[in-house]
Amino acid sequence: MFDLIYAGYEYYEEAKTRIKEKFPDAIIEDASDEIHEGRFSVKMDDKNEREYFKHLIREGFIKCSLDFNVKSMGNDKEEHGYLINIIREVKSESL
């Protein structure tokens, strides 16, 4: 699984730290350039994707995830159902 997180300077370190705490085996690298500052990449085993998205939702960083946003804007109904179920799972945890 590969993702780009657009956290900006304000949340860059906090987002990296929280992801690394939950997923210590994740490879996190700075991906900032002249145009996109405060961006980093996350690489981890595909089997962690569902828990990764749930973690981003819980921590408030889901809107920073390029992978989640691209998947949610696509036309794949099965993928939309997958993402909706992840959101529902997180919501039910907080009840």
PDB file of N, CA and C in Angstrom:
ATOM      1  N   MET A   1       0.838  -1.167   0.000  1.00  0.00           N
ATOM      2  CA  MET A   1       0.000   0.000   0.000  1.00  0.00           C
ATOM      3  C   MET A   1       0.887   1.235   0.000  1.00  0.00           C
ATOM      4  N   PHE A   2       0.515   2.208  -0.775  1.00  0.00           N
ATOM      5  CA  PHE A   2       1.255   3.467  -0.860  1.00  0.00           C
ATOM      6  C   PHE A   2       0.264   4.615  -0.720  1.00  0.00           C
ATOM      7  N   ASP A   3       0.648   5.613   0.045  1.00  0.00           N
ATOM      8  CA  ASP A   3      -0.199   6.792   0.207  1.00  0.00           C
ATOM      9  C   ASP A   3       0.677   8.022   0.296  1.00  0.00           C
ATOM     10  N   LEU A   4       0.119   9.131  -0.108  1.00  0.00           N
ATOM     11  CA  LEU A   4       0.745  10.442   0.118  1.00  0.00           C
ATOM     12  C   LEU A   4      -0.146  11.205   1.082  1.00  0.00           C
ATOM     13  N   ILE A   5       0.465  11.739   2.109  1.00  0.00           N
ATOM     14  CA  ILE A   5      -0.257  12.523   3.106  1.00  0.00           C
ATOM     15  C   ILE A   5       0.132  13.989   2.927  1.00  0.00           C
ATOM     16  N   TYR A   6      -0.853  14.816   2.668  1.00  0.00           N
ATOM     17  CA  TYR A   6      -0.665  16.257   2.514  1.00  0.00           C
ATOM     18  C   TYR A   6      -1.064  16.926   3.830  1.00  0.00           C
ATOM     19  N   ALA A   7      -0.145  16.953   4.773  1.00  0.00           N
ATOM     20  CA  ALA A   7      -0.446  17.450   6.114  1.00  0.00           C
ATOM     21  C   ALA A   7      -0.121  18.925   6.280  1.00  0.00           C
ATOM     22  N   GLY A   8       0.679  19.481   5.408  1.00  0.00           N
ATOM     23  CA  GLY A   8       1.111  20.865   5.576  1.00  0.00           C
ATOM     24  C   GLY A   8       2.075  20.982   6.752  1.00  0.00           C
ATOM     25  N   TYR A   9       2.660  22.128   6.906  1.00  0.00           N
ATOM     26  CA  TYR A   9       3.638  22.307   7.983  1.00  0.00           C
ATOM     27  C   TYR A   9       3.018  22.172   9.365  1.00  0.00           C
ATOM     28  N   GLU A  10       1.781  22.606   9.506  1.00  0.00           N
ATOM     29  CA  GLU A  10       1.148  22.631  10.818  1.00  0.00           C
ATOM     30  C   GLU A  10       0.998  21.237  11.434  1.00  0.00           C
ATOM     31  N   TYR A  11       0.672  20.221  10.612  1.00  0.00           N
ATOM     32  CA  TYR A  11       0.395  18.886  11.126  1.00  0.00           C
ATOM     33  C   TYR A  11       1.388  17.826  10.659  1.00  0.00           C
ATOM     34  N   TYR A  12       2.418  18.233   9.939  1.00  0.00           N
ATOM     35  CA  TYR A  12       3.376  17.303   9.328  1.00  0.00           C
ATOM     36  C   TYR A  12       3.970  16.329  10.350  1.00  0.00           C
ATOM     37  N   GLU A  13       4.610  16.838  11.385  1.00  0.00           N
ATOM     38  CA  GLU A  13       5.276  15.980  12.367  1.00  0.00           C
ATOM     39  C   GLU A  13       4.271  15.162  13.164  1.00  0.00           C
ATOM     40  N   GLU A  14       3.164  15.777  13.545  1.00  0.00           N
ATOM     41  CA  GLU A  14       2.145  15.079  14.324  1.00  0.00           C
ATOM     42  C   GLU A  14       1.560  13.907  13.530  1.00  0.00           C
ATOM     43  N   ALA A  15       1.240  14.129  12.275  1.00  0.00           N
ATOM     44  CA  ALA A  15       0.669  13.062  11.442  1.00  0.00           C
ATOM     45  C   ALA A  15       1.673  11.924  11.270  1.00  0.00           C
ATOM     46  N   LYS A  16       2.921  12.265  10.972  1.00  0.00           N
ATOM     47  CA  LYS A  16       3.956  11.233  10.817  1.00  0.00           C
ATOM     48  C   LYS A  16       4.105  10.413  12.092  1.00  0.00           C
ATOM     49  N   THR A  17       4.162  11.087  13.219  1.00  0.00           N
ATOM     50  CA  THR A  17       4.356  10.411  14.500  1.00  0.00           C
ATOM     51  C   THR A  17       3.202   9.479  14.814  1.00  0.00           C
ATOM     52  N   ARG A  18       1.987   9.944  14.620  1.00  0.00           N
ATOM     53  CA  ARG A  18       0.816   9.116  14.943  1.00  0.00           C
ATOM     54  C   ARG A  18       0.696   7.893  14.036  1.00  0.00           C
ATOM     55  N   ILE A  19       1.059   8.050  12.779  1.00  0.00           N
ATOM     56  CA  ILE A  19       1.033   6.898  11.868  1.00  0.00           C
ATOM     57  C   ILE A  19       2.126   5.910  12.255  1.00  0.00           C
ATOM     58  N   LYS A  20       3.311   6.407  12.546  1.00  0.00           N
ATOM     59  CA  LYS A  20       4.434   5.537  12.895  1.00  0.00           C
ATOM     60  C   LYS A  20       4.182   4.816  14.227  1.00  0.00           C
ATOM     61  N   GLU A  21       3.523   5.471  15.166  1.00  0.00           N
ATOM     62  CA  GLU A  21       3.203   4.820  16.446  1.00  0.00           C
ATOM     63  C   GLU A  21       2.262   3.632  16.235  1.00  0.00           C
ATOM     64  N   LYS A  22       1.279   3.797  15.383  1.00  0.00           N
ATOM     65  CA  LYS A  22       0.295   2.742  15.128  1.00  0.00           C
ATOM     66  C   LYS A  22       0.848   1.663  14.206  1.00  0.00           C
ATOM     67  N   PHE A  23       1.668   2.068  13.240  1.00  0.00           N
ATOM     68  CA  PHE A  23       2.218   1.145  12.245  1.00  0.00           C
ATOM     69  C   PHE A  23       3.742   1.266  12.224  1.00  0.00           C
ATOM     70  N   PRO A  24       4.420   0.686  13.201  1.00  0.00           N
ATOM     71  CA  PRO A  24       5.873   0.850  13.315  1.00  0.00           C
ATOM     72  C   PRO A  24       6.659   0.308  12.128  1.00  0.00           C
ATOM     73  N   ASP A  25       6.079  -0.629  11.377  1.00  0.00           N
ATOM     74  CA  ASP A  25       6.783  -1.179  10.216  1.00  0.00           C
ATOM     75  C   ASP A  25       6.599  -0.339   8.953  1.00  0.00           C
ATOM     76  N   ALA A  26       5.760   0.679   9.025  1.00  0.00           N
ATOM     77  CA  ALA A  26       5.523   1.536   7.854  1.00  0.00           C
ATOM     78  C   ALA A  26       6.800   2.306   7.505  1.00  0.00           C
ATOM     79  N   ILE A  27       7.012   2.473   6.231  1.00  0.00           N
ATOM     80  CA  ILE A  27       8.135   3.293   5.749  1.00  0.00           C
ATOM     81  C   ILE A  27       7.564   4.670   5.432  1.00  0.00           C
ATOM     82  N   ILE A  28       8.036   5.657   6.163  1.00  0.00           N
ATOM     83  CA  ILE A  28       7.550   7.023   5.998  1.00  0.00           C
ATOM     84  C   ILE A  28       8.707   7.888   5.532  1.00  0.00           C
ATOM     85  N   GLU A  29       8.512   8.566   4.409  1.00  0.00           N
ATOM     86  CA  GLU A  29       9.567   9.398   3.831  1.00  0.00           C
ATOM     87  C   GLU A  29       9.017  10.764   3.427  1.00  0.00           C
ATOM     88  N   ASP A  30       9.830  11.771   3.585  1.00  0.00           N
ATOM     89  CA  ASP A  30       9.437  13.110   3.147  1.00  0.00           C
ATOM     90  C   ASP A  30       9.217  13.089   1.639  1.00  0.00           C
ATOM     91  N   ALA A  31       8.142  13.684   1.186  1.00  0.00           N
ATOM     92  CA  ALA A  31       7.824  13.747  -0.239  1.00  0.00           C
ATOM     93  C   ALA A  31       7.537  15.186  -0.653  1.00  0.00           C
ATOM     94  N   SER A  32       8.019  16.130   0.129  1.00  0.00           N
ATOM     95  CA  SER A  32       7.808  17.544  -0.188  1.00  0.00           C
ATOM     96  C   SER A  32       8.653  17.944  -1.384  1.00  0.00           C
ATOM     97  N   ASP A  33       8.164  18.910  -2.113  1.00  0.00           N
ATOM     98  CA  ASP A  33       8.933  19.502  -3.199  1.00  0.00           C
ATOM     99  C   ASP A  33       8.635  20.995  -3.229  1.00  0.00           C
ATOM    100  N   GLU A  34       9.025  21.677  -4.294  1.00  0.00           N
ATOM    101  CA  GLU A  34       8.848  23.127  -4.364  1.00  0.00           C
ATOM    102  C   GLU A  34       7.376  23.536  -4.363  1.00  0.00           C
ATOM    103  N   ILE A  35       6.514  22.658  -4.845  1.00  0.00           N
ATOM    104  CA  ILE A  35       5.093  22.970  -4.944  1.00  0.00           C
ATOM    105  C   ILE A  35       4.303  22.418  -3.765  1.00  0.00           C
ATOM    106  N   HIS A  36       4.622  21.203  -3.343  1.00  0.00           N
ATOM    107  CA  HIS A  36       3.879  20.515  -2.278  1.00  0.00           C
ATOM    108  C   HIS A  36       4.746  20.412  -1.033  1.00  0.00           C
ATOM    109  N   GLU A  37       4.584  21.339  -0.149  1.00  0.00           N
ATOM    110  CA  GLU A  37       5.333  21.318   1.099  1.00  0.00           C
ATOM    111  C   GLU A  37       4.499  20.622   2.168  1.00  0.00           C
ATOM    112  N   GLY A  38       5.150  19.993   3.133  1.00  0.00           N
ATOM    113  CA  GLY A  38       4.425  19.312   4.193  1.00  0.00           C
ATOM    114  C   GLY A  38       3.769  18.024   3.730  1.00  0.00           C
ATOM    115  N   ARG A  39       4.414  17.342   2.779  1.00  0.00           N
ATOM    116  CA  ARG A  39       3.871  16.100   2.222  1.00  0.00           C
ATOM    117  C   ARG A  39       4.842  14.961   2.530  1.00  0.00           C
ATOM    118  N   PHE A  40       4.288  13.792   2.863  1.00  0.00           N
ATOM    119  CA  PHE A  40       5.147  12.624   3.048  1.00  0.00           C
ATOM    120  C   PHE A  40       4.450  11.375   2.517  1.00  0.00           C
ATOM    121  N   SER A  41       5.257  10.371   2.201  1.00  0.00           N
ATOM    122  CA  SER A  41       4.722   9.118   1.691  1.00  0.00           C
ATOM    123  C   SER A  41       4.686   8.078   2.803  1.00  0.00           C
ATOM    124  N   VAL A  42       3.742   7.161   2.667  1.00  0.00           N
ATOM    125  CA  VAL A  42       3.597   6.048   3.599  1.00  0.00           C
ATOM    126  C   VAL A  42       3.531   4.771   2.773  1.00  0.00           C
ATOM    127  N   LYS A  43       4.424   3.827   3.102  1.00  0.00           N
ATOM    128  CA  LYS A  43       4.420   2.530   2.428  1.00  0.00           C
ATOM    129  C   LYS A  43       4.297   1.459   3.501  1.00  0.00           C
ATOM    130  N   MET A  44       3.375   0.516   3.264  1.00  0.00           N
ATOM    131  CA  MET A  44       3.210  -0.599   4.190  1.00  0.00           C
ATOM    132  C   MET A  44       2.527  -1.749   3.463  1.00  0.00           C
ATOM    133  N   ASP A  45       2.461  -2.865   4.123  1.00  0.00           N
ATOM    134  CA  ASP A  45       1.825  -4.053   3.574  1.00  0.00           C
ATOM    135  C   ASP A  45       0.357  -3.756   3.265  1.00  0.00           C
ATOM    136  N   ASP A  46      -0.117  -4.241   2.124  1.00  0.00           N
ATOM    137  CA  ASP A  46      -1.504  -4.019   1.707  1.00  0.00           C
ATOM    138  C   ASP A  46      -2.516  -4.507   2.735  1.00  0.00           C
ATOM    139  N   LYS A  47      -2.167  -5.521   3.508  1.00  0.00           N
ATOM    140  CA  LYS A  47      -3.117  -6.084   4.482  1.00  0.00           C
ATOM    141  C   LYS A  47      -3.480  -5.079   5.578  1.00  0.00           C
ATOM    142  N   ASN A  48      -2.713  -4.007   5.715  1.00  0.00           N
ATOM    143  CA  ASN A  48      -2.965  -2.990   6.740  1.00  0.00           C
ATOM    144  C   ASN A  48      -3.847  -1.840   6.265  1.00  0.00           C
ATOM    145  N   GLU A  49      -4.257  -1.853   4.997  1.00  0.00           N
ATOM    146  CA  GLU A  49      -4.968  -0.698   4.444  1.00  0.00           C
ATOM    147  C   GLU A  49      -6.229  -0.335   5.233  1.00  0.00           C
ATOM    148  N   ARG A  50      -7.044  -1.318   5.554  1.00  0.00           N
ATOM    149  CA  ARG A  50      -8.300  -1.039   6.259  1.00  0.00           C
ATOM    150  C   ARG A  50      -8.032  -0.393   7.613  1.00  0.00           C
ATOM    151  N   GLU A  51      -7.115  -0.948   8.395  1.00  0.00           N
ATOM    152  CA  GLU A  51      -6.771  -0.379   9.702  1.00  0.00           C
ATOM    153  C   GLU A  51      -6.107   0.989   9.554  1.00  0.00           C
ATOM    154  N   TYR A  52      -5.345   1.152   8.489  1.00  0.00           N
ATOM    155  CA  TYR A  52      -4.688   2.437   8.221  1.00  0.00           C
ATOM    156  C   TYR A  52      -5.740   3.532   7.997  1.00  0.00           C
ATOM    157  N   PHE A  53      -6.711   3.269   7.133  1.00  0.00           N
ATOM    158  CA  PHE A  53      -7.755   4.258   6.885  1.00  0.00           C
ATOM    159  C   PHE A  53      -8.549   4.546   8.162  1.00  0.00           C
ATOM    160  N   LYS A  54      -8.869   3.500   8.920  1.00  0.00           N
ATOM    161  CA  LYS A  54      -9.592   3.695  10.182  1.00  0.00           C
ATOM    162  C   LYS A  54      -8.778   4.579  11.131  1.00  0.00           C
ATOM    163  N   HIS A  55      -7.485   4.346  11.176  1.00  0.00           N
ATOM    164  CA  HIS A  55      -6.615   5.155  12.039  1.00  0.00           C
ATOM    165  C   HIS A  55      -6.618   6.619  11.596  1.00  0.00           C
ATOM    166  N   LEU A  56      -6.530   6.855  10.295  1.00  0.00           N
ATOM    167  CA  LEU A  56      -6.552   8.232   9.794  1.00  0.00           C
ATOM    168  C   LEU A  56      -7.872   8.918  10.130  1.00  0.00           C
ATOM    169  N   ILE A  57      -8.967   8.188  10.050  1.00  0.00           N
ATOM    170  CA  ILE A  57     -10.274   8.759  10.398  1.00  0.00           C
ATOM    171  C   ILE A  57     -10.287   9.136  11.876  1.00  0.00           C
ATOM    172  N   ARG A  58      -9.875   8.199  12.729  1.00  0.00           N
ATOM    173  CA  ARG A  58      -9.876   8.440  14.181  1.00  0.00           C
ATOM    174  C   ARG A  58      -8.998   9.627  14.559  1.00  0.00           C
ATOM    175  N   GLU A  59      -7.860   9.757  13.891  1.00  0.00           N
ATOM    176  CA  GLU A  59      -6.896  10.799  14.231  1.00  0.00           C
ATOM    177  C   GLU A  59      -7.190  12.136  13.548  1.00  0.00           C
ATOM    178  N   GLY A  60      -8.144  12.146  12.620  1.00  0.00           N
ATOM    179  CA  GLY A  60      -8.515  13.391  11.946  1.00  0.00           C
ATOM    180  C   GLY A  60      -7.655  13.746  10.751  1.00  0.00           C
ATOM    181  N   PHE A  61      -6.960  12.759  10.188  1.00  0.00           N
ATOM    182  CA  PHE A  61      -6.078  13.028   9.048  1.00  0.00           C
ATOM    183  C   PHE A  61      -6.581  12.429   7.737  1.00  0.00           C
ATOM    184  N   ILE A  62      -7.812  11.927   7.714  1.00  0.00           N
ATOM    185  CA  ILE A  62      -8.291  11.241   6.514  1.00  0.00           C
ATOM    186  C   ILE A  62      -8.351  12.173   5.300  1.00  0.00           C
ATOM    187  N   LYS A  63      -8.674  13.437   5.491  1.00  0.00           N
ATOM    188  CA  LYS A  63      -8.734  14.377   4.359  1.00  0.00           C
ATOM    189  C   LYS A  63      -7.345  14.663   3.779  1.00  0.00           C
ATOM    190  N   CYS A  64      -6.301  14.327   4.524  1.00  0.00           N
ATOM    191  CA  CYS A  64      -4.930  14.539   4.059  1.00  0.00           C
ATOM    192  C   CYS A  64      -4.438  13.392   3.180  1.00  0.00           C
ATOM    193  N   SER A  65      -5.189  12.295   3.126  1.00  0.00           N
ATOM    194  CA  SER A  65      -4.774  11.088   2.408  1.00  0.00           C
ATOM    195  C   SER A  65      -5.151  11.151   0.937  1.00  0.00           C
ATOM    196  N   LEU A  66      -4.154  11.173   0.077  1.00  0.00           N
ATOM    197  CA  LEU A  66      -4.417  11.174  -1.359  1.00  0.00           C
ATOM    198  C   LEU A  66      -5.087   9.873  -1.782  1.00  0.00           C
ATOM    199  N   ASP A  67      -4.617   8.741  -1.267  1.00  0.00           N
ATOM    200  CA  ASP A  67      -5.173   7.439  -1.638  1.00  0.00           C
ATOM    201  C   ASP A  67      -6.664   7.356  -1.308  1.00  0.00           C
ATOM    202  N   PHE A  68      -7.051   7.740  -0.097  1.00  0.00           N
ATOM    203  CA  PHE A  68      -8.460   7.694   0.299  1.00  0.00           C
ATOM    204  C   PHE A  68      -9.292   8.626  -0.584  1.00  0.00           C
ATOM    205  N   ASN A  69      -8.800   9.822  -0.817  1.00  0.00           N
ATOM    206  CA  ASN A  69      -9.558  10.793  -1.611  1.00  0.00           C
ATOM    207  C   ASN A  69      -9.726  10.354  -3.058  1.00  0.00           C
ATOM    208  N   VAL A  70      -8.688   9.778  -3.648  1.00  0.00           N
ATOM    209  CA  VAL A  70      -8.792   9.306  -5.030  1.00  0.00           C
ATOM    210  C   VAL A  70      -9.796   8.156  -5.109  1.00  0.00           C
ATOM    211  N   LYS A  71      -9.705   7.224  -4.154  1.00  0.00           N
ATOM    212  CA  LYS A  71     -10.642   6.096  -4.159  1.00  0.00           C
ATOM    213  C   LYS A  71     -12.078   6.565  -3.951  1.00  0.00           C
ATOM    214  N   SER A  72     -12.285   7.548  -3.122  1.00  0.00           N
ATOM    215  CA  SER A  72     -13.644   8.011  -2.848  1.00  0.00           C
ATOM    216  C   SER A  72     -14.240   8.791  -4.019  1.00  0.00           C
ATOM    217  N   MET A  73     -13.412   9.325  -4.905  1.00  0.00           N
ATOM    218  CA  MET A  73     -13.916  10.092  -6.047  1.00  0.00           C
ATOM    219  C   MET A  73     -14.127   9.226  -7.278  1.00  0.00           C
ATOM    220  N   GLY A  74     -13.675   7.984  -7.243  1.00  0.00           N
ATOM    221  CA  GLY A  74     -13.809   7.105  -8.398  1.00  0.00           C
ATOM    222  C   GLY A  74     -15.230   6.637  -8.614  1.00  0.00           C
ATOM    223  N   ASN A  75     -15.421   5.861  -9.659  1.00  0.00           N
ATOM    224  CA  ASN A  75     -16.752   5.361 -10.015  1.00  0.00           C
ATOM    225  C   ASN A  75     -16.970   3.904  -9.610  1.00  0.00           C
ATOM    226  N   ASP A  76     -16.023   3.312  -8.914  1.00  0.00           N
ATOM    227  CA  ASP A  76     -16.108   1.905  -8.530  1.00  0.00           C
ATOM    228  C   ASP A  76     -17.029   1.741  -7.321  1.00  0.00           C
ATOM    229  N   LYS A  77     -18.224   1.184  -7.545  1.00  0.00           N
ATOM    230  CA  LYS A  77     -19.212   1.044  -6.477  1.00  0.00           C
ATOM    231  C   LYS A  77     -18.716   0.106  -5.378  1.00  0.00           C
ATOM    232  N   GLU A  78     -17.980  -0.906  -5.749  1.00  0.00           N
ATOM    233  CA  GLU A  78     -17.443  -1.842  -4.756  1.00  0.00           C
ATOM    234  C   GLU A  78     -16.444  -1.127  -3.837  1.00  0.00           C
ATOM    235  N   GLU A  79     -15.602  -0.303  -4.430  1.00  0.00           N
ATOM    236  CA  GLU A  79     -14.636   0.455  -3.632  1.00  0.00           C
ATOM    237  C   GLU A  79     -15.344   1.470  -2.739  1.00  0.00           C
ATOM    238  N   HIS A  80     -16.368   2.111  -3.242  1.00  0.00           N
ATOM    239  CA  HIS A  80     -17.150   3.053  -2.423  1.00  0.00           C
ATOM    240  C   HIS A  80     -17.759   2.334  -1.229  1.00  0.00           C
ATOM    241  N   GLY A  81     -18.306   1.142  -1.461  1.00  0.00           N
ATOM    242  CA  GLY A  81     -18.879   0.354  -0.378  1.00  0.00           C
ATOM    243  C   GLY A  81     -17.837   0.000   0.673  1.00  0.00           C
ATOM    244  N   TYR A  82     -16.641  -0.332   0.212  1.00  0.00           N
ATOM    245  CA  TYR A  82     -15.520  -0.643   1.099  1.00  0.00           C
ATOM    246  C   TYR A  82     -15.201   0.553   1.993  1.00  0.00           C
ATOM    247  N   LEU A  83     -15.104   1.730   1.405  1.00  0.00           N
ATOM    248  CA  LEU A  83     -14.786   2.939   2.167  1.00  0.00           C
ATOM    249  C   LEU A  83     -15.923   3.317   3.122  1.00  0.00           C
ATOM    250  N   ILE A  84     -17.153   3.185   2.668  1.00  0.00           N
ATOM    251  CA  ILE A  84     -18.307   3.494   3.522  1.00  0.00           C
ATOM    252  C   ILE A  84     -18.336   2.559   4.731  1.00  0.00           C
ATOM    253  N   ASN A  85     -18.028   1.286   4.513  1.00  0.00           N
ATOM    254  CA  ASN A  85     -17.995   0.331   5.626  1.00  0.00           C
ATOM    255  C   ASN A  85     -16.906   0.693   6.639  1.00  0.00           C
ATOM    256  N   ILE A  86     -15.771   1.162   6.171  1.00  0.00           N
ATOM    257  CA  ILE A  86     -14.699   1.583   7.076  1.00  0.00           C
ATOM    258  C   ILE A  86     -15.183   2.755   7.932  1.00  0.00           C
ATOM    259  N   ILE A  87     -15.819   3.722   7.309  1.00  0.00           N
ATOM    260  CA  ILE A  87     -16.332   4.883   8.033  1.00  0.00           C
ATOM    261  C   ILE A  87     -17.387   4.447   9.053  1.00  0.00           C
ATOM    262  N   ARG A  88     -18.259   3.554   8.650  1.00  0.00           N
ATOM    263  CA  ARG A  88     -19.297   3.055   9.574  1.00  0.00           C
ATOM    264  C   ARG A  88     -18.680   2.331  10.770  1.00  0.00           C
ATOM    265  N   GLU A  89     -17.647   1.538  10.510  1.00  0.00           N
ATOM    266  CA  GLU A  89     -16.975   0.825  11.605  1.00  0.00           C
ATOM    267  C   GLU A  89     -16.419   1.806  12.638  1.00  0.00           C
ATOM    268  N   VAL A  90     -15.781   2.861  12.159  1.00  0.00           N
ATOM    269  CA  VAL A  90     -15.210   3.856  13.073  1.00  0.00           C
ATOM    270  C   VAL A  90     -16.327   4.563  13.840  1.00  0.00           C
ATOM    271  N   LYS A  91     -17.399   4.909  13.139  1.00  0.00           N
ATOM    272  CA  LYS A  91     -18.523   5.575  13.811  1.00  0.00           C
ATOM    273  C   LYS A  91     -19.122   4.674  14.887  1.00  0.00           C
ATOM    274  N   SER A  92     -19.258   3.379  14.603  1.00  0.00           N
ATOM    275  CA  SER A  92     -19.866   2.476  15.585  1.00  0.00           C
ATOM    276  C   SER A  92     -18.957   2.275  16.799  1.00  0.00           C
ATOM    277  N   GLU A  93     -17.652   2.415  16.626  1.00  0.00           N
ATOM    278  CA  GLU A  93     -16.710   2.302  17.742  1.00  0.00           C
ATOM    279  C   GLU A  93     -16.904   3.442  18.741  1.00  0.00           C
ATOM    280  N   SER A  94     -17.322   4.583  18.244  1.00  0.00           N
ATOM    281  CA  SER A  94     -17.423   5.761  19.102  1.00  0.00           C
ATOM    282  C   SER A  94     -18.787   5.891  19.796  1.00  0.00           C
ATOM    283  N   LEU A  95     -19.691   4.986  19.493  1.00  0.00           N
ATOM    284  CA  LEU A  95     -21.025   5.040  20.120  1.00  0.00           C
ATOM    285  C   LEU A  95     -21.032   4.380  21.477  1.00  0.00           C
TER     286      LEU A  95
END
